[in-house]
């Protein structure tokens, strides 16, 4: 349940400065909201979070409905996968609090969230995936209570509302028939791809790395996305593939094959540095996904154009491939989680590492 806060004494402090006591209350409110939202996912009780949204406004209602759809999707994915989310643990880092012209508050924050899940027949084996998101939230004070009137963030599950068309029972039976995979004898370059990805996956990485991208490279998120740039870094810095020609980066400038998802996929496949293991919708490729190794990649196609690239970095306790990427930042996340729309096709790509 959400507790009310006494804001009857709050005055206008100006957009450039918010009272420290008010900031502390806002921080507490946001941390509690995020925690309760995650608990509602685990317990499948979306109605428990509705009270904290200003649903009298269009954007407040949309923000609530977005979270509700996210919960529905995650439970559909659980059923397909044969898993149960047991804990969802957030770390919230508030970067800015300012007052709005209407007397509310605008809050910028980063949330690094660890999703823990178990396969239903092996509850002793806990799997962990981490997703990092960057939020802009608008809060209003109504009857001495903070409410969310608007929230924006790059939702990792926005393309995932059509799982019901899958033959869930067949998929689940196959997934539960698989076992863990041993990557201890992998090519060293593949291992280094994972090490690099773990260290520089931004808001999804472990706290010891500072939740940052590699500052030696330009961040292309403001210009449309950083996923291919990050995949290129992983293969160059970790996998030791030489850059140059069509695939190149130098002092902030990058070729299209380095930074554009569709052209990145085409370059690797047509240059011979990689080859396609499988292509098609989820039902066509999920069995082949068990061939993916750390250092390979998955390209996500929508309406004939590859929109996203993720590097394969691990596998879970049932051998299901896990990926790491930028925007939305992910670390060791199941490769299809957040990409379940019926119109999405997958390229599963084997990278050919030099000896």
Protein backbone atom coordinates (compact mmCIF):
# COMPACT_ATOMS: atom_id res chain seq x y z
CA UNK A 1 0.00 0.00 0.00
CA UNK A 2 1.13 3.56 -0.67
CA UNK A 3 1.33 6.02 2.19
CA UNK A 4 0.30 9.64 1.81
CA UNK A 5 2.73 12.48 2.41
CA UNK A 6 2.06 15.81 3.99
CA UNK A 7 2.84 18.48 1.42
CA UNK A 8 0.60 21.14 2.93
CA UNK A 9 3.64 23.19 3.93
CA UNK A 10 5.41 22.97 0.57
CA UNK A 11 5.92 26.31 -1.14
CA UNK A 12 7.18 27.20 -4.59
CA UNK A 13 10.96 27.04 -4.56
CA UNK A 14 11.54 27.80 -8.23
CA UNK A 15 12.52 25.42 -11.00
CA UNK A 16 16.20 25.85 -10.27
CA UNK A 17 16.00 24.89 -6.59
CA UNK A 18 13.84 22.46 -4.60
CA UNK A 19 13.99 22.35 -0.82
CA UNK A 20 16.20 19.50 0.44
CA UNK A 21 13.47 18.19 2.74
CA UNK A 22 11.06 18.03 -0.18
CA UNK A 23 13.71 16.30 -2.30
CA UNK A 24 14.14 13.68 0.40
CA UNK A 25 10.39 13.03 0.49
CA UNK A 26 10.28 12.75 -3.29
CA UNK A 27 13.18 10.30 -3.29
CA UNK A 28 11.42 8.20 -0.68
CA UNK A 29 8.18 8.28 -2.67
CA UNK A 30 9.83 7.19 -5.93
CA UNK A 31 11.81 4.41 -4.30
CA UNK A 32 8.65 3.10 -2.68
CA UNK A 33 6.64 3.36 -5.91
CA UNK A 34 9.25 1.42 -7.88
CA UNK A 35 9.47 -1.24 -5.18
CA UNK A 36 5.69 -1.63 -4.99
CA UNK A 37 5.39 -1.80 -8.78
CA UNK A 38 7.85 -4.67 -8.81
CA UNK A 39 6.05 -6.47 -5.99
CA UNK A 40 2.82 -6.14 -7.95
CA UNK A 41 4.48 -7.92 -10.89
CA UNK A 42 5.57 -10.83 -8.69
CA UNK A 43 2.14 -11.16 -7.05
CA UNK A 44 0.20 -10.36 -10.25
CA UNK A 45 -1.80 -7.60 -8.57
CA UNK A 46 -1.65 -4.55 -10.88
CA UNK A 47 -4.57 -2.91 -9.07
CA UNK A 48 -2.26 -2.37 -6.08
CA UNK A 49 -0.41 0.42 -7.88
CA UNK A 50 -3.31 2.35 -9.42
CA UNK A 51 -3.74 4.61 -6.39
CA UNK A 52 -0.41 6.32 -6.99
CA UNK A 53 -1.32 7.56 -10.50
CA UNK A 54 -3.32 10.66 -11.31
CA UNK A 55 -5.72 8.78 -13.59
CA UNK A 56 -7.91 11.87 -13.93
CA UNK A 57 -5.43 13.05 -16.57
CA UNK A 58 -4.75 11.48 -19.96
CA UNK A 59 -1.03 11.00 -19.35
CA UNK A 60 -1.56 9.71 -15.83
CA UNK A 61 -4.00 7.09 -17.11
CA UNK A 62 -1.64 6.12 -19.93
CA UNK A 63 1.25 5.75 -17.49
CA UNK A 64 -0.78 3.40 -15.32
CA UNK A 65 -2.04 1.39 -18.30
CA UNK A 66 1.54 1.01 -19.56
CA UNK A 67 2.60 -0.57 -16.27
CA UNK A 68 -0.49 -2.79 -16.29
CA UNK A 69 0.33 -4.05 -19.80
CA UNK A 70 3.92 -4.69 -18.72
CA UNK A 71 2.67 -6.92 -15.90
CA UNK A 72 0.34 -8.85 -18.21
CA UNK A 73 3.17 -9.42 -20.69
CA UNK A 74 5.61 -10.64 -18.05
CA UNK A 75 3.09 -13.16 -16.77
CA UNK A 76 2.40 -14.35 -20.32
CA UNK A 77 6.14 -14.77 -20.82
CA UNK A 78 6.38 -16.73 -17.55
CA UNK A 79 3.78 -19.18 -18.84
CA UNK A 80 5.55 -19.58 -22.18
CA UNK A 81 8.92 -20.07 -20.52
CA UNK A 82 7.82 -22.31 -17.64
CA UNK A 83 9.31 -19.90 -15.10
CA UNK A 84 8.26 -17.80 -12.14
CA UNK A 85 9.64 -14.39 -11.22
CA UNK A 86 10.45 -14.64 -7.52
CA UNK A 87 12.00 -11.23 -6.84
CA UNK A 88 12.44 -7.98 -8.73
CA UNK A 89 15.00 -5.81 -6.98
CA UNK A 90 15.49 -2.15 -8.02
CA UNK A 91 18.32 0.29 -7.42
CA UNK A 92 17.13 3.87 -7.99
CA UNK A 93 19.51 6.76 -8.69
CA UNK A 94 17.85 10.18 -8.86
CA UNK A 95 19.81 12.60 -11.01
CA UNK A 96 17.61 15.71 -10.94
CA UNK A 97 14.53 17.10 -9.21
CA UNK A 98 13.01 20.37 -10.39
CA UNK A 99 9.73 22.19 -9.89
CA UNK A 100 7.33 22.52 -12.81
CA UNK A 101 5.50 25.70 -13.78
CA UNK A 102 2.29 24.24 -12.36
CA UNK A 103 3.85 23.63 -8.94
CA UNK A 104 4.50 19.92 -9.38
CA UNK A 105 7.85 18.21 -9.73
CA UNK A 106 9.83 16.76 -12.60
CA UNK A 107 12.17 13.95 -11.59
CA UNK A 108 14.91 12.36 -13.70
CA UNK A 109 16.21 9.04 -12.43
CA UNK A 110 17.90 5.82 -13.46
CA UNK A 111 16.68 2.44 -12.29
CA UNK A 112 18.83 -0.70 -12.40
CA UNK A 113 16.53 -3.67 -11.81
CA UNK A 114 17.48 -7.27 -11.12
CA UNK A 115 14.87 -9.83 -12.18
CA UNK A 116 15.20 -13.18 -10.41
CA UNK A 117 13.39 -16.18 -11.84
CA UNK A 118 13.23 -19.94 -11.40
CA UNK A 119 12.06 -22.75 -13.67
CA UNK A 120 8.95 -24.29 -12.16
CA UNK A 121 10.45 -27.78 -11.86
CA UNK A 122 13.83 -26.57 -10.53
CA UNK A 123 13.09 -23.99 -7.83
CA UNK A 124 16.54 -24.34 -6.32
CA UNK A 125 18.25 -22.82 -9.39
CA UNK A 126 17.83 -19.04 -9.30
CA UNK A 127 18.52 -17.11 -12.52
CA UNK A 128 19.29 -13.39 -12.56
CA UNK A 129 18.80 -10.82 -15.33
CA UNK A 130 19.35 -7.07 -15.05
CA UNK A 131 17.62 -4.27 -16.98
CA UNK A 132 18.48 -0.57 -16.74
CA UNK A 133 16.00 2.19 -17.57
CA UNK A 134 16.16 5.99 -17.67
CA UNK A 135 13.02 7.75 -16.42
CA UNK A 136 11.42 11.19 -16.53
CA UNK A 137 8.51 11.37 -14.10
CA UNK A 138 6.13 14.26 -13.43
CA UNK A 139 4.57 14.37 -9.96
CA UNK A 140 1.63 16.44 -8.74
CA UNK A 141 0.48 17.21 -5.21
CA UNK A 142 -3.21 16.43 -4.75
CA UNK A 143 -4.78 16.57 -1.30
CA UNK A 144 -1.32 16.47 0.28
CA UNK A 145 -0.43 13.30 -1.64
CA UNK A 146 2.07 12.87 -4.44
CA UNK A 147 0.68 11.29 -7.60
CA UNK A 148 2.31 10.39 -10.91
CA UNK A 149 0.76 12.50 -13.64
CA UNK A 150 3.18 11.47 -16.39
CA UNK A 151 6.09 9.09 -16.83
CA UNK A 152 8.37 8.45 -19.77
CA UNK A 153 11.06 5.82 -20.12
CA UNK A 154 12.27 3.47 -22.82
CA UNK A 155 10.07 0.51 -21.92
CA UNK A 156 11.94 -2.76 -22.50
CA UNK A 157 8.61 -4.55 -22.96
CA UNK A 158 6.91 -2.12 -25.35
CA UNK A 159 7.16 -4.52 -28.32
CA UNK A 160 5.68 -7.44 -26.43
CA UNK A 161 1.92 -7.59 -26.38
CA UNK A 162 1.09 -10.56 -28.62
CA UNK A 163 2.41 -13.69 -26.90
CA UNK A 164 -1.06 -15.24 -26.90
CA UNK A 165 -0.62 -16.36 -30.52
CA UNK A 166 2.25 -18.71 -29.66
CA UNK A 167 1.70 -22.42 -29.13
CA UNK A 168 2.72 -21.89 -25.53
CA UNK A 169 2.44 -25.50 -24.38
CA UNK A 170 4.70 -26.81 -27.15
CA UNK A 171 7.29 -24.10 -26.53
CA UNK A 172 7.24 -24.62 -22.78
CA UNK A 173 7.62 -28.39 -23.11
CA UNK A 174 10.69 -27.96 -25.31
CA UNK A 175 12.29 -25.36 -23.03
CA UNK A 176 11.78 -27.51 -19.93
CA UNK A 177 13.39 -30.48 -21.71
CA UNK A 178 16.69 -28.59 -22.03
CA UNK A 179 19.56 -28.51 -19.57
CA UNK A 180 22.29 -26.06 -18.62
CA UNK A 181 25.24 -25.45 -20.93
CA UNK A 182 28.93 -25.35 -20.07
CA UNK A 183 30.88 -22.45 -21.59
CA UNK A 184 34.13 -23.03 -19.69
CA UNK A 185 36.00 -24.16 -22.82
CA UNK A 186 34.91 -21.26 -25.01
CA UNK A 187 37.30 -19.41 -27.28
CA UNK A 188 39.03 -16.72 -25.17
CA UNK A 189 37.81 -14.00 -27.53
CA UNK A 190 34.21 -15.03 -26.91
CA UNK A 191 34.85 -14.85 -23.17
CA UNK A 192 36.32 -11.37 -23.55
CA UNK A 193 33.23 -10.20 -25.44
CA UNK A 194 31.18 -11.12 -22.39
CA UNK A 195 33.65 -9.42 -20.03
CA UNK A 196 33.48 -6.20 -22.05
CA UNK A 197 29.68 -6.33 -22.31
CA UNK A 198 29.30 -6.91 -18.56
CA UNK A 199 31.52 -3.92 -17.77
CA UNK A 200 29.98 -1.36 -20.13
CA UNK A 201 26.24 -2.14 -20.33
CA UNK A 202 25.32 1.08 -18.57
CA UNK A 203 22.39 1.06 -16.17
CA UNK A 204 22.20 -2.74 -16.39
CA UNK A 205 25.73 -3.44 -15.16
CA UNK A 206 26.82 -4.30 -11.64
CA UNK A 207 27.30 -1.38 -9.26
CA UNK A 208 31.08 -1.85 -9.13
CA UNK A 209 31.31 -0.63 -12.75
CA UNK A 210 29.46 2.61 -12.07
CA UNK A 211 26.46 2.15 -14.41
CA UNK A 212 28.30 3.89 -17.25
CA UNK A 213 29.10 3.36 -20.91
CA UNK A 214 32.71 3.31 -22.10
CA UNK A 215 33.64 6.99 -22.27
CA UNK A 216 36.17 6.25 -25.01
CA UNK A 217 33.20 5.91 -27.37
CA UNK A 218 30.50 8.36 -28.33
CA UNK A 219 27.01 7.63 -27.01
CA UNK A 220 24.65 7.52 -30.00
CA UNK A 221 21.43 7.24 -27.98
CA UNK A 222 20.48 10.90 -28.61
CA UNK A 223 20.78 10.21 -32.35
CA UNK A 224 18.54 7.16 -32.54
CA UNK A 225 20.19 4.40 -30.55
CA UNK A 226 23.44 2.93 -29.30
CA UNK A 227 22.84 -0.82 -29.65
CA UNK A 228 24.93 -1.41 -32.78
CA UNK A 229 27.68 0.88 -31.50
CA UNK A 230 27.86 -1.22 -28.32
CA UNK A 231 27.84 -4.51 -30.25
CA UNK A 232 30.66 -3.17 -32.44
CA UNK A 233 32.64 -2.23 -29.33
CA UNK A 234 32.15 -5.72 -27.90
CA UNK A 235 33.43 -7.38 -31.06
CA UNK A 236 36.35 -4.97 -31.50
CA UNK A 237 37.48 -4.45 -27.90
CA UNK A 238 36.54 -7.90 -26.61
CA UNK A 239 36.62 -10.07 -29.70
CA UNK A 240 39.66 -8.32 -31.22
CA UNK A 241 38.12 -7.96 -34.66
CA UNK A 242 40.01 -5.31 -36.60
CA UNK A 243 38.07 -2.22 -37.55
CA UNK A 244 38.54 -0.42 -40.84
CA UNK A 245 36.88 0.15 -44.18
CA UNK A 246 33.12 -0.31 -44.02
CA UNK A 247 33.16 -1.13 -40.29
CA UNK A 248 35.03 1.63 -38.50
CA UNK A 249 35.04 4.09 -35.62
CA UNK A 250 37.46 6.97 -35.09
CA UNK A 251 37.28 9.88 -32.64
CA UNK A 252 33.50 10.02 -32.44
CA UNK A 253 32.81 9.30 -36.10
CA UNK A 254 31.44 5.91 -37.12
CA UNK A 255 30.56 4.21 -40.38
CA UNK A 256 26.96 3.10 -40.88
CA UNK A 257 27.91 -0.55 -40.41
CA UNK A 258 29.35 0.29 -37.00
CA UNK A 259 26.41 2.26 -35.63
CA UNK A 260 23.25 1.29 -37.58
CA UNK A 261 21.53 -1.96 -36.53
CA UNK A 262 20.38 -3.08 -39.98
CA UNK A 263 23.67 -2.24 -41.68
CA UNK A 264 25.61 -3.85 -38.81
CA UNK A 265 23.78 -7.14 -39.37
CA UNK A 266 24.29 -6.96 -43.13
CA UNK A 267 27.99 -6.19 -42.78
CA UNK A 268 28.70 -9.15 -40.50
CA UNK A 269 26.66 -11.63 -42.52
CA UNK A 270 27.79 -10.56 -45.99
CA UNK A 271 31.45 -9.97 -45.10
CA UNK A 272 31.83 -13.60 -44.05
CA UNK A 273 32.75 -12.64 -40.50
CA UNK A 274 29.47 -14.21 -39.41
CA UNK A 275 26.71 -16.48 -40.73
CA UNK A 276 23.00 -16.95 -40.06
CA UNK A 277 21.97 -19.80 -37.76
CA UNK A 278 18.25 -19.11 -38.13
CA UNK A 279 15.83 -16.42 -39.29
CA UNK A 280 12.11 -15.98 -38.73
CA UNK A 281 9.49 -15.46 -36.07
CA UNK A 282 9.89 -16.88 -32.58
CA UNK A 283 8.32 -20.26 -33.32
CA UNK A 284 10.67 -20.74 -36.27
CA UNK A 285 13.90 -19.92 -34.42
CA UNK A 286 13.56 -20.71 -30.71
CA UNK A 287 14.94 -24.25 -31.02
CA UNK A 288 17.96 -22.98 -32.97
CA UNK A 289 18.61 -20.38 -30.25
CA UNK A 290 20.23 -23.12 -28.16
CA UNK A 291 23.12 -23.08 -30.63
CA UNK A 292 23.94 -19.46 -29.76
CA UNK A 293 27.21 -18.90 -27.89
CA UNK A 294 28.62 -15.90 -26.03
CA UNK A 295 30.02 -13.60 -28.72
CA UNK A 296 27.24 -14.33 -31.22
CA UNK A 297 24.44 -11.82 -31.71
CA UNK A 298 20.69 -11.54 -32.21
CA UNK A 299 19.21 -8.97 -34.62
CA UNK A 300 15.57 -7.97 -34.15
CA UNK A 301 13.66 -7.12 -37.32
CA UNK A 302 10.40 -5.20 -37.54
CA UNK A 303 8.65 -4.33 -40.81
CA UNK A 304 11.62 -5.51 -42.85
CA UNK A 305 14.23 -3.44 -41.01
CA UNK A 306 16.52 -4.53 -38.19
CA UNK A 307 15.76 -2.25 -35.26
CA UNK A 308 18.01 -3.66 -32.54
CA UNK A 309 21.14 -5.71 -31.88
CA UNK A 310 21.95 -7.70 -28.73
CA UNK A 311 25.15 -9.58 -27.96
CA UNK A 312 24.81 -13.12 -26.62
CA UNK A 313 26.68 -13.26 -23.31
CA UNK A 314 25.47 -16.30 -21.35
CA UNK A 315 22.79 -18.98 -20.91
CA UNK A 316 20.51 -19.64 -17.96
CA UNK A 317 19.99 -22.83 -15.94
CA UNK A 318 18.00 -24.39 -18.82
CA UNK A 319 20.52 -23.38 -21.48
CA UNK A 320 18.35 -20.50 -22.73
CA UNK A 321 20.51 -17.85 -24.41
CA UNK A 322 20.97 -14.56 -22.54
CA UNK A 323 21.88 -11.24 -24.14
CA UNK A 324 23.46 -7.92 -23.18
CA UNK A 325 22.88 -4.61 -24.98
CA UNK A 326 22.33 -0.86 -24.85
CA UNK A 327 19.02 1.00 -25.09
CA UNK A 328 17.25 -0.41 -23.25
CA UNK A 329 20.32 -1.47 -21.24
CA UNK A 330 20.25 -5.22 -20.56
CA UNK A 331 22.69 -7.63 -18.93
CA UNK A 332 22.24 -11.41 -19.27
CA UNK A 333 18.54 -11.12 -20.14
CA UNK A 334 16.65 -13.93 -21.97
CA UNK A 335 17.07 -13.15 -25.65
CA UNK A 336 13.36 -12.81 -26.48
CA UNK A 337 12.20 -11.09 -23.28
CA UNK A 338 10.72 -7.79 -24.44
CA UNK A 339 10.60 -8.86 -28.10
CA UNK A 340 7.48 -11.00 -28.33
CA UNK A 341 5.33 -9.03 -30.76
CA UNK A 342 4.01 -11.24 -33.56
CA UNK A 343 5.49 -8.94 -36.21
CA UNK A 344 9.08 -9.27 -34.96
CA UNK A 345 11.50 -11.59 -36.74
CA UNK A 346 14.81 -12.70 -35.34
CA UNK A 347 18.23 -13.14 -36.94
CA UNK A 348 20.32 -15.56 -34.88
CA UNK A 349 23.88 -14.95 -36.04
CA UNK A 350 27.02 -17.02 -35.45
CA UNK A 351 30.17 -14.87 -35.32
CA UNK A 352 33.34 -16.50 -36.69
CA UNK A 353 36.15 -15.55 -34.33
CA UNK A 354 39.73 -15.72 -35.62
CA UNK A 355 42.11 -18.06 -33.85
